[in-house]
Protein backbone atom coordinates (compact mmCIF):
# COMPACT_ATOMS: atom_id res chain seq x y z
CA MET A 1 0.00 0.00 0.00
CA SER A 2 1.40 3.40 -1.00
CA ARG A 3 2.36 6.04 1.54
CA ILE A 4 -0.31 8.39 0.19
CA SER A 5 -2.99 5.76 0.67
CA LEU A 6 -1.87 5.11 4.26
CA VAL A 7 -1.95 8.83 5.04
CA LEU A 8 -5.42 9.30 3.53
CA ARG A 9 -6.79 6.32 5.41
CA SER A 10 -5.26 7.60 8.65
CA ILE A 11 -6.80 11.04 8.09
CA LEU A 12 -10.24 9.51 7.54
CA PHE A 13 -9.88 7.32 10.61
CA THR A 14 -8.82 10.26 12.77
CA ILE A 15 -11.78 12.34 11.59
CA LEU A 16 -14.24 9.54 12.33
CA MET A 17 -12.74 8.90 15.75
CA ALA A 18 -12.94 12.60 16.61
CA LEU A 19 -16.56 12.79 15.45
CA ALA A 20 -17.46 9.69 17.43
CA THR A 21 -15.85 11.19 20.52
CA PHE A 22 -17.64 14.51 20.04
CA ILE A 23 -21.00 12.75 19.68
CA TRP A 24 -20.55 10.03 22.29
CA ALA A 25 -19.08 12.06 25.14
CA PRO A 26 -22.23 14.17 25.73
CA LEU A 27 -24.32 10.99 25.58
CA CYS A 28 -22.33 9.70 28.54
CA PHE A 29 -24.25 12.15 30.72
CA PHE A 30 -27.44 10.24 29.87
CA PHE A 31 -25.74 6.98 30.86
CA ALA A 32 -24.68 8.34 34.25
CA PRO A 33 -27.91 7.43 36.12
CA LEU A 34 -27.85 3.84 34.83
CA PRO A 35 -26.66 0.95 37.01
CA TYR A 36 -22.92 0.48 36.66
CA PRO A 37 -23.03 -2.61 34.34
CA ARG A 38 -25.31 -0.82 31.87
CA ARG A 39 -23.35 2.43 32.16
CA TYR A 40 -20.13 0.54 31.45
CA TYR A 41 -21.67 -1.25 28.48
CA TRP A 42 -23.02 1.85 26.77
CA THR A 43 -20.00 4.01 27.46
CA SER A 44 -17.68 1.37 25.99
CA ARG A 45 -19.62 1.27 22.69
CA TRP A 46 -17.24 4.07 21.67
CA ASN A 47 -14.40 1.59 22.01
CA VAL A 48 -16.26 -0.93 19.85
CA PHE A 49 -16.68 1.67 17.11
CA VAL A 50 -13.04 2.78 17.16
CA ILE A 51 -11.70 -0.78 16.91
CA TRP A 52 -14.15 -1.46 14.07
CA ALA A 53 -13.14 1.73 12.26
CA ALA A 54 -9.44 0.89 12.62
CA LYS A 55 -10.14 -2.48 11.03
CA VAL A 56 -12.32 -1.26 8.15
CA ILE A 57 -10.45 1.94 7.31
CA CYS A 58 -6.85 1.24 8.29
CA GLY A 59 -6.82 -2.53 7.88
CA ILE A 60 -5.82 -3.15 11.51
CA ARG A 61 -7.11 -6.62 12.36
CA TYR A 62 -6.42 -8.66 15.47
CA GLU A 63 -6.23 -12.19 16.82
CA ILE A 64 -6.40 -13.32 20.43
CA LYS A 65 -4.47 -16.26 21.84
CA GLY A 66 -5.15 -17.75 25.27
CA MET A 67 -8.60 -16.35 26.00
CA GLU A 68 -9.23 -19.60 27.89
CA ASN A 69 -6.54 -18.57 30.39
CA LEU A 70 -8.72 -15.81 31.81
CA PRO A 71 -10.18 -16.96 35.14
CA ASP A 72 -13.74 -16.34 36.24
CA ALA A 73 -12.47 -14.62 39.37
CA PRO A 74 -10.84 -11.35 40.43
CA VAL A 75 -7.66 -10.77 38.43
CA ILE A 76 -5.00 -8.15 37.75
CA LEU A 77 -4.00 -7.96 34.10
CA LEU A 78 -0.40 -6.90 33.43
CA SER A 79 0.11 -6.04 29.79
CA LYS A 80 2.77 -4.98 27.36
CA HIS A 81 2.09 -1.42 26.20
CA GLN A 82 3.02 -0.19 22.71
CA SER A 83 0.10 1.87 21.49
CA ALA A 84 -3.18 3.61 22.23
CA TRP A 85 -4.86 0.68 20.48
CA GLU A 86 -4.79 -1.69 23.46
CA THR A 87 -6.18 0.87 25.87
CA ILE A 88 -9.24 1.00 23.60
CA PHE A 89 -9.32 -2.70 22.74
CA TYR A 90 -9.14 -4.21 26.22
CA LEU A 91 -12.13 -2.27 27.50
CA ARG A 92 -14.44 -3.71 24.83
CA THR A 93 -12.98 -7.22 24.83
CA MET A 94 -12.46 -8.49 28.36
CA PRO A 95 -15.33 -10.51 29.89
CA HIS A 96 -15.42 -8.40 33.07
CA PRO A 97 -15.50 -4.61 33.48
CA LEU A 98 -11.98 -3.23 33.45
CA VAL A 99 -10.43 -0.63 35.71
CA PHE A 100 -7.40 1.31 34.52
CA VAL A 101 -4.99 3.09 36.83
CA TYR A 102 -4.51 6.53 35.28
CA LYS A 103 -3.07 9.95 35.98
CA LYS A 104 -5.63 12.09 37.77
CA ALA A 105 -5.03 15.00 35.38
CA LEU A 106 -6.50 12.98 32.48
CA GLY A 107 -9.90 13.21 34.12
CA TYR A 108 -9.95 16.95 33.40
CA ILE A 109 -9.71 16.49 29.63
CA PRO A 110 -13.02 17.43 27.96
CA PHE A 111 -14.97 14.48 26.51
CA PHE A 112 -12.30 11.87 27.28
CA GLY A 113 -12.27 12.62 30.99
CA TRP A 114 -16.05 12.44 31.16
CA GLY A 115 -16.06 8.82 30.02
CA ILE A 116 -13.33 7.87 32.48
CA ALA A 117 -15.27 9.39 35.37
CA LEU A 118 -18.25 7.11 34.66
CA LEU A 119 -16.31 3.86 34.66
CA ARG A 120 -14.88 3.70 38.20
CA MET A 121 -11.27 3.92 37.07
CA ILE A 122 -8.52 4.55 39.64
CA PRO A 123 -7.03 8.06 39.43
CA ILE A 124 -3.67 8.66 41.08
CA ASP A 125 -1.74 11.80 41.86
CA ARG A 126 1.85 10.92 41.03
CA SER A 127 3.10 14.07 42.71
CA LYS A 128 2.37 12.38 46.03
CA GLY A 129 5.10 9.82 45.42
CA ARG A 130 4.77 6.79 47.69
CA ASP A 131 1.28 7.83 48.73
CA ALA A 132 0.17 7.12 45.16
CA PHE A 133 0.36 3.39 45.79
CA GLY A 134 -1.81 3.83 48.85
CA GLN A 135 -4.46 5.27 46.54
CA ILE A 136 -4.14 2.28 44.21
CA LEU A 137 -4.35 -0.21 47.07
CA GLU A 138 -7.36 1.38 48.75
CA GLN A 139 -9.41 1.71 45.57
CA GLY A 140 -8.05 -1.48 44.05
CA ARG A 141 -9.41 -3.55 46.95
CA LYS A 142 -12.86 -2.06 46.43
CA ARG A 143 -12.85 -2.62 42.69
CA LEU A 144 -11.72 -6.23 42.97
CA ALA A 145 -14.35 -6.88 45.66
CA ASP A 146 -16.99 -5.49 43.31
CA GLY A 147 -16.03 -7.98 40.61
CA GLN A 148 -14.08 -5.62 38.38
CA TRP A 149 -10.72 -6.49 36.89
CA ILE A 150 -7.74 -4.18 37.19
CA ILE A 151 -5.36 -3.67 34.28
CA MET A 152 -1.94 -2.07 34.53
CA PHE A 153 0.99 -1.54 32.18
CA PRO A 154 4.13 -2.47 34.18
CA GLU A 155 6.46 -0.54 31.85
CA GLY A 156 4.48 2.59 32.65
CA THR A 157 4.46 4.02 29.14
CA ARG A 158 4.30 2.95 25.53
CA ILE A 159 7.47 1.13 24.50
CA PRO A 160 8.61 0.89 20.84
CA VAL A 161 8.30 -2.47 19.12
CA GLY A 162 11.19 -4.76 19.94
CA LYS A 163 12.23 -2.83 23.05
CA ARG A 164 11.81 -3.50 26.76
CA GLY A 165 11.07 -0.86 29.35
CA LYS A 166 11.70 -1.12 33.06
CA TYR A 167 9.00 -3.27 34.63
CA LYS A 168 7.69 -1.55 37.77
CA THR A 169 6.20 -3.56 40.62
CA GLY A 170 3.04 -1.54 41.30
CA GLY A 171 0.79 -4.19 39.80
CA THR A 172 2.44 -7.08 41.60
CA ARG A 173 2.48 -5.16 44.90
CA LEU A 174 -1.26 -4.81 44.55
CA ALA A 175 -1.55 -8.52 43.73
CA VAL A 176 0.48 -9.55 46.80
CA GLU A 177 -1.39 -7.16 49.10
CA THR A 178 -4.81 -8.37 47.90
CA ASN A 179 -3.83 -12.00 47.22
CA THR A 180 -5.05 -11.70 43.63
CA VAL A 181 -3.72 -13.69 40.69
CA VAL A 182 -2.08 -11.82 37.82
CA VAL A 183 -2.39 -12.59 34.13
CA PRO A 184 0.44 -11.47 31.81
CA ILE A 185 -0.43 -10.24 28.32
CA ALA A 186 1.92 -9.81 25.38
CA MET A 187 0.81 -7.85 22.34
CA ASN A 188 2.37 -6.16 19.32
CA SER A 189 0.04 -3.27 18.52
CA GLY A 190 3.03 -1.03 17.81
CA GLU A 191 3.58 -2.78 14.50
CA CYS A 192 0.32 -1.30 13.18
CA TRP A 193 -0.32 1.72 15.41
CA PRO A 194 3.15 2.98 16.41
CA LYS A 195 3.71 5.31 19.34
CA ASN A 196 3.42 9.00 18.37
CA SER A 197 2.74 8.07 14.75
CA PHE A 198 -0.19 9.59 12.88
CA VAL A 199 -0.02 6.99 10.11
CA LYS A 200 -1.60 3.64 10.89
CA LYS A 201 -0.39 0.52 9.08
CA PRO A 202 -2.51 -2.46 8.01
CA GLY A 203 -1.74 -5.79 9.61
CA VAL A 204 -2.72 -8.25 12.31
CA ILE A 205 -2.17 -7.42 15.97
CA THR A 206 -1.68 -10.48 18.13
CA VAL A 207 -2.86 -10.35 21.72
CA SER A 208 -1.44 -13.31 23.66
CA ILE A 209 -2.84 -14.02 27.12
CA GLY A 210 -0.73 -16.06 29.52
CA LYS A 211 -1.83 -18.38 32.30
CA PRO A 212 -2.69 -16.90 35.71
CA ILE A 213 0.20 -16.59 38.16
CA SER A 214 -0.55 -16.85 41.88
CA PRO A 215 1.17 -14.37 44.21
CA GLN A 216 1.29 -16.85 47.06
CA GLY A 217 4.80 -17.35 48.38
CA LEU A 218 6.23 -14.58 46.19
CA ASN A 219 7.22 -11.01 46.90
CA PRO A 220 6.32 -8.27 44.36
CA ALA A 221 9.75 -8.35 42.69
CA GLU A 222 9.70 -12.14 42.26
CA LEU A 223 6.17 -12.08 40.90
CA MET A 224 7.02 -9.29 38.46
CA GLN A 225 10.07 -11.19 37.28
CA GLN A 226 7.83 -14.10 36.28
CA VAL A 227 5.48 -11.71 34.48
CA GLU A 228 8.33 -9.97 32.68
CA ASN A 229 9.98 -13.25 31.65
CA TRP A 230 6.75 -14.56 30.15
CA ILE A 231 5.83 -11.36 28.33
CA GLU A 232 9.27 -10.75 26.82
CA SER A 233 9.61 -14.39 25.79
CA GLU A 234 6.17 -14.36 24.19
CA MET A 235 6.98 -11.14 22.33
CA ARG A 236 9.59 -13.06 20.36
CA VAL A 237 6.91 -15.57 19.41
CA ILE A 238 4.34 -13.06 18.18
CA SER A 239 6.81 -10.60 16.60
CA PRO A 240 9.62 -12.83 15.35
CA ALA A 241 10.53 -10.63 12.39
CA VAL A 242 11.02 -7.56 14.59
CA TYR A 243 13.40 -9.29 16.96
CA ALA A 244 15.21 -11.09 14.12
CA ARG A 245 16.22 -7.70 12.70
CA GLN A 246 17.89 -6.65 15.94
CA PRO A 247 21.21 -7.75 17.45
CA ALA A 248 20.55 -10.03 20.39
CA ASN A 249 22.34 -7.74 22.86
CA HIS A 250 20.17 -4.75 21.88
CA ALA A 251 16.73 -6.34 21.46
CA THR A 252 15.72 -5.95 25.10
CA GLU A 253 17.17 -2.56 25.96
CA PRO A 254 14.75 0.16 27.21
């Protein structure tokens, strides 16, 4: 596909996503009085539309491996993070309502912040340093008790394809403190929807879900090491061409 075609498709997709956001955000006010499950369902229809539009307009398809590994119980999902795509995709795909841990300032963004406020996400004020984890723990316990799943990105930010960021232990600390299993997820969305790139590329994004890992008998660092080992190993399975192009001693650098 020519560069011009990719740019035109990306422009059309961006326009449609902006229009959908402009239309859907005000509707969220009408969803606010609904019971939480219905409010979550209707608010997340925006996510369904965006993933559909990315597929139809930009040719971004996806496949999921390991869906059977998801337990029917409270869980903390710990995922690779390469793109905005997965933040949209997970919300409309997982079988239980998802809770993201996000920067409190994002809640003040018009339209986008309105949707977040309706979905019982966990806002944190990073300026409070260590107290930020206290916020996660307090609200995380409540969300897990209510049957919601918590999802976190251990690397903290979007990492370019073929690279490895520093895996932080916030998610596994929460798992140890609440005795909740974690599920690692590897995915390669950056191959189609790169970080900070306007142009979207056609292709198939693979989302690979690992088996649950119990926190029992492990400290947060040990548990995170198991998560990191699985994710980074699986990345070489789902993106073999990317890692094959890189020298072995550079493939995992941040």
